[in-house]
Amino acid sequence: QSTEKKFFFKMLGCCIPRDPSKQTNKMINEALERERKELNSESKLLLLGK
């Protein structure tokens, strides 16, 4: 099951599983948020590095 979740996290933008469970949706939203923050800080570092 955890492998499935990792797979979903990898495919975040494409296919968010239709799970009625709010807990799962919450986890996915948190993962999306984390990923966005990481991307933001990475692009800021890239901009600063230029």
PDB file of N, CA and C in Angstrom:
ATOM      1  N   GLN A   1       0.834  -1.209   0.000  1.00  0.00           N
ATOM      2  CA  GLN A   1       0.000   0.000   0.000  1.00  0.00           C
ATOM      3  C   GLN A   1       0.867   1.256   0.000  1.00  0.00           C
ATOM      4  N   SER A   2       1.962   1.225   0.753  1.00  0.00           N
ATOM      5  CA  SER A   2       2.828   2.407   0.789  1.00  0.00           C
ATOM      6  C   SER A   2       3.485   2.628  -0.573  1.00  0.00           C
ATOM      7  N   THR A   3       3.768   1.532  -1.279  1.00  0.00           N
ATOM      8  CA  THR A   3       4.323   1.665  -2.627  1.00  0.00           C
ATOM      9  C   THR A   3       3.323   2.367  -3.532  1.00  0.00           C
ATOM     10  N   GLU A   4       2.047   1.991  -3.381  1.00  0.00           N
ATOM     11  CA  GLU A   4       0.996   2.642  -4.160  1.00  0.00           C
ATOM     12  C   GLU A   4       0.982   4.136  -3.880  1.00  0.00           C
ATOM     13  N   LYS A   5       1.087   4.501  -2.599  1.00  0.00           N
ATOM     14  CA  LYS A   5       1.052   5.915  -2.231  1.00  0.00           C
ATOM     15  C   LYS A   5       2.248   6.642  -2.822  1.00  0.00           C
ATOM     16  N   LYS A   6       3.425   6.022  -2.764  1.00  0.00           N
ATOM     17  CA  LYS A   6       4.606   6.649  -3.344  1.00  0.00           C
ATOM     18  C   LYS A   6       4.404   6.871  -4.833  1.00  0.00           C
ATOM     19  N   PHE A   7       3.805   5.879  -5.490  1.00  0.00           N
ATOM     20  CA  PHE A   7       3.532   5.999  -6.915  1.00  0.00           C
ATOM     21  C   PHE A   7       2.611   7.176  -7.183  1.00  0.00           C
ATOM     22  N   PHE A   8       1.563   7.308  -6.349  1.00  0.00           N
ATOM     23  CA  PHE A   8       0.633   8.425  -6.540  1.00  0.00           C
ATOM     24  C   PHE A   8       1.342   9.748  -6.326  1.00  0.00           C
ATOM     25  N   PHE A   9       2.235   9.802  -5.334  1.00  0.00           N
ATOM     26  CA  PHE A   9       2.946  11.051  -5.076  1.00  0.00           C
ATOM     27  C   PHE A   9       3.836  11.401  -6.264  1.00  0.00           C
ATOM     28  N   LYS A  10       4.398  10.383  -6.915  1.00  0.00           N
ATOM     29  CA  LYS A  10       5.230  10.646  -8.092  1.00  0.00           C
ATOM     30  C   LYS A  10       4.382  11.192  -9.230  1.00  0.00           C
ATOM     31  N   MET A  11       3.144  10.720  -9.314  1.00  0.00           N
ATOM     32  CA  MET A  11       2.274  11.110 -10.415  1.00  0.00           C
ATOM     33  C   MET A  11       1.346  12.255 -10.017  1.00  0.00           C
ATOM     34  N   LEU A  12       1.774  13.047  -9.029  1.00  0.00           N
ATOM     35  CA  LEU A  12       0.872  14.008  -8.394  1.00  0.00           C
ATOM     36  C   LEU A  12       0.076  14.845  -9.371  1.00  0.00           C
ATOM     37  N   GLY A  13       0.757  15.457 -10.330  1.00  0.00           N
ATOM     38  CA  GLY A  13       0.055  16.365 -11.218  1.00  0.00           C
ATOM     39  C   GLY A  13      -0.951  15.667 -12.108  1.00  0.00           C
ATOM     40  N   CYS A  14      -0.683  14.396 -12.426  1.00  0.00           N
ATOM     41  CA  CYS A  14      -1.493  13.734 -13.453  1.00  0.00           C
ATOM     42  C   CYS A  14      -2.730  13.066 -12.885  1.00  0.00           C
ATOM     43  N   CYS A  15      -2.529  12.157 -11.951  1.00  0.00           N
ATOM     44  CA  CYS A  15      -3.675  11.340 -11.538  1.00  0.00           C
ATOM     45  C   CYS A  15      -3.777  11.292 -10.027  1.00  0.00           C
ATOM     46  N   ILE A  16      -4.550  12.185  -9.463  1.00  0.00           N
ATOM     47  CA  ILE A  16      -4.822  12.100  -8.038  1.00  0.00           C
ATOM     48  C   ILE A  16      -5.925  11.065  -7.843  1.00  0.00           C
ATOM     49  N   PRO A  17      -5.659  10.042  -7.043  1.00  0.00           N
ATOM     50  CA  PRO A  17      -6.629   8.953  -6.896  1.00  0.00           C
ATOM     51  C   PRO A  17      -7.950   9.449  -6.337  1.00  0.00           C
ATOM     52  N   ARG A  18      -9.037   8.927  -6.859  1.00  0.00           N
ATOM     53  CA  ARG A  18     -10.355   9.319  -6.355  1.00  0.00           C
ATOM     54  C   ARG A  18     -10.661   8.493  -5.122  1.00  0.00           C
ATOM     55  N   ASP A  19     -10.169   8.951  -4.011  1.00  0.00           N
ATOM     56  CA  ASP A  19     -10.380   8.229  -2.760  1.00  0.00           C
ATOM     57  C   ASP A  19     -11.351   9.026  -1.911  1.00  0.00           C
ATOM     58  N   PRO A  20     -12.452   8.413  -1.490  1.00  0.00           N
ATOM     59  CA  PRO A  20     -13.433   9.142  -0.682  1.00  0.00           C
ATOM     60  C   PRO A  20     -12.876   9.545   0.679  1.00  0.00           C
ATOM     61  N   SER A  21     -11.794   8.868   1.081  1.00  0.00           N
ATOM     62  CA  SER A  21     -11.244   9.124   2.408  1.00  0.00           C
ATOM     63  C   SER A  21     -10.606  10.500   2.480  1.00  0.00           C
ATOM     64  N   LYS A  22     -11.063  11.312   3.410  1.00  0.00           N
ATOM     65  CA  LYS A  22     -10.519  12.666   3.555  1.00  0.00           C
ATOM     66  C   LYS A  22      -9.075  12.614   4.020  1.00  0.00           C
ATOM     67  N   GLN A  23      -8.745  11.569   4.776  1.00  0.00           N
ATOM     68  CA  GLN A  23      -7.370  11.425   5.256  1.00  0.00           C
ATOM     69  C   GLN A  23      -6.408  11.333   4.073  1.00  0.00           C
ATOM     70  N   THR A  24      -6.773  10.516   3.082  1.00  0.00           N
ATOM     71  CA  THR A  24      -5.918  10.356   1.907  1.00  0.00           C
ATOM     72  C   THR A  24      -5.800  11.677   1.160  1.00  0.00           C
ATOM     73  N   ASN A  25      -6.924  12.359   0.979  1.00  0.00           N
ATOM     74  CA  ASN A  25      -6.892  13.648   0.287  1.00  0.00           C
ATOM     75  C   ASN A  25      -6.001  14.629   1.028  1.00  0.00           C
ATOM     76  N   LYS A  26      -6.089  14.609   2.354  1.00  0.00           N
ATOM     77  CA  LYS A  26      -5.273  15.501   3.168  1.00  0.00           C
ATOM     78  C   LYS A  26      -3.793  15.200   2.941  1.00  0.00           C
ATOM     79  N   MET A  27      -3.438  13.913   2.940  1.00  0.00           N
ATOM     80  CA  MET A  27      -2.045  13.524   2.718  1.00  0.00           C
ATOM     81  C   MET A  27      -1.566  13.996   1.357  1.00  0.00           C
ATOM     82  N   ILE A  28      -2.418  13.837   0.348  1.00  0.00           N
ATOM     83  CA  ILE A  28      -2.032  14.235  -1.007  1.00  0.00           C
ATOM     84  C   ILE A  28      -1.855  15.745  -1.081  1.00  0.00           C
ATOM     85  N   ASN A  29      -2.770  16.486  -0.466  1.00  0.00           N
ATOM     86  CA  ASN A  29      -2.651  17.942  -0.463  1.00  0.00           C
ATOM     87  C   ASN A  29      -1.377  18.385   0.240  1.00  0.00           C
ATOM     88  N   GLU A  30      -1.051  17.728   1.357  1.00  0.00           N
ATOM     89  CA  GLU A  30       0.169  18.085   2.078  1.00  0.00           C
ATOM     90  C   GLU A  30       1.398  17.787   1.228  1.00  0.00           C
ATOM     91  N   ALA A  31       1.360  16.664   0.519  1.00  0.00           N
ATOM     92  CA  ALA A  31       2.491  16.309  -0.338  1.00  0.00           C
ATOM     93  C   ALA A  31       2.641  17.321  -1.467  1.00  0.00           C
ATOM     94  N   LEU A  32       1.507  17.725  -2.057  1.00  0.00           N
ATOM     95  CA  LEU A  32       1.543  18.744  -3.106  1.00  0.00           C
ATOM     96  C   LEU A  32       2.151  20.028  -2.575  1.00  0.00           C
ATOM     97  N   GLU A  33       1.730  20.421  -1.385  1.00  0.00           N
ATOM     98  CA  GLU A  33       2.218  21.654  -0.771  1.00  0.00           C
ATOM     99  C   GLU A  33       3.728  21.578  -0.547  1.00  0.00           C
ATOM    100  N   ARG A  34       4.174  20.444   0.000  1.00  0.00           N
ATOM    101  CA  ARG A  34       5.614  20.251   0.236  1.00  0.00           C
ATOM    102  C   ARG A  34       6.382  20.358  -1.067  1.00  0.00           C
ATOM    103  N   GLU A  35       5.868  19.664  -2.092  1.00  0.00           N
ATOM    104  CA  GLU A  35       6.551  19.648  -3.378  1.00  0.00           C
ATOM    105  C   GLU A  35       6.643  21.058  -3.951  1.00  0.00           C
ATOM    106  N   ARG A  36       5.557  21.834  -3.830  1.00  0.00           N
ATOM    107  CA  ARG A  36       5.550  23.190  -4.369  1.00  0.00           C
ATOM    108  C   ARG A  36       6.580  24.044  -3.639  1.00  0.00           C
ATOM    109  N   LYS A  37       6.650  23.906  -2.317  1.00  0.00           N
ATOM    110  CA  LYS A  37       7.621  24.688  -1.553  1.00  0.00           C
ATOM    111  C   LYS A  37       9.041  24.325  -1.956  1.00  0.00           C
ATOM    112  N   GLU A  38       9.293  23.010  -2.134  1.00  0.00           N
ATOM    113  CA  GLU A  38      10.629  22.578  -2.532  1.00  0.00           C
ATOM    114  C   GLU A  38      10.978  23.129  -3.905  1.00  0.00           C
ATOM    115  N   LEU A  39      10.030  23.075  -4.829  1.00  0.00           N
ATOM    116  CA  LEU A  39      10.275  23.608  -6.167  1.00  0.00           C
ATOM    117  C   LEU A  39      10.560  25.102  -6.097  1.00  0.00           C
ATOM    118  N   ASN A  40       9.788  25.825  -5.288  1.00  0.00           N
ATOM    119  CA  ASN A  40       9.990  27.263  -5.151  1.00  0.00           C
ATOM    120  C   ASN A  40      11.383  27.574  -4.632  1.00  0.00           C
ATOM    121  N   SER A  41      11.808  26.869  -3.574  1.00  0.00           N
ATOM    122  CA  SER A  41      13.118  27.176  -3.012  1.00  0.00           C
ATOM    123  C   SER A  41      14.218  26.775  -3.994  1.00  0.00           C
ATOM    124  N   GLU A  42      14.003  25.689  -4.747  1.00  0.00           N
ATOM    125  CA  GLU A  42      15.006  25.291  -5.734  1.00  0.00           C
ATOM    126  C   GLU A  42      15.138  26.340  -6.824  1.00  0.00           C
ATOM    127  N   SER A  43      14.022  26.859  -7.318  1.00  0.00           N
ATOM    128  CA  SER A  43      14.116  27.848  -8.395  1.00  0.00           C
ATOM    129  C   SER A  43      14.696  29.156  -7.875  1.00  0.00           C
ATOM    130  N   LYS A  44      14.427  29.500  -6.615  1.00  0.00           N
ATOM    131  CA  LYS A  44      15.045  30.696  -6.045  1.00  0.00           C
ATOM    132  C   LYS A  44      16.558  30.528  -5.992  1.00  0.00           C
ATOM    133  N   LEU A  45      17.012  29.330  -5.584  1.00  0.00           N
ATOM    134  CA  LEU A  45      18.449  29.066  -5.532  1.00  0.00           C
ATOM    135  C   LEU A  45      19.055  29.171  -6.929  1.00  0.00           C
ATOM    136  N   LEU A  46      18.347  28.643  -7.924  1.00  0.00           N
ATOM    137  CA  LEU A  46      18.851  28.711  -9.295  1.00  0.00           C
ATOM    138  C   LEU A  46      18.964  30.159  -9.752  1.00  0.00           C
ATOM    139  N   LEU A  47      17.946  30.960  -9.423  1.00  0.00           N
ATOM    140  CA  LEU A  47      17.972  32.367  -9.824  1.00  0.00           C
ATOM    141  C   LEU A  47      19.131  33.092  -9.145  1.00  0.00           C
ATOM    142  N   LEU A  48      19.331  32.796  -7.857  1.00  0.00           N
ATOM    143  CA  LEU A  48      20.415  33.450  -7.133  1.00  0.00           C
ATOM    144  C   LEU A  48      21.772  33.020  -7.679  1.00  0.00           C
ATOM    145  N   GLY A  49      21.859  31.771  -8.135  1.00  0.00           N
ATOM    146  CA  GLY A  49      23.135  31.245  -8.607  1.00  0.00           C
ATOM    147  C   GLY A  49      23.583  31.853  -9.922  1.00  0.00           C
ATOM    148  N   LYS A  50      22.656  32.433 -10.673  1.00  0.00           N
ATOM    149  CA  LYS A  50      23.009  32.936 -12.014  1.00  0.00           C
ATOM    150  C   LYS A  50      23.821  34.210 -11.957  1.00  0.00           C
TER     151      LYS A  50
END
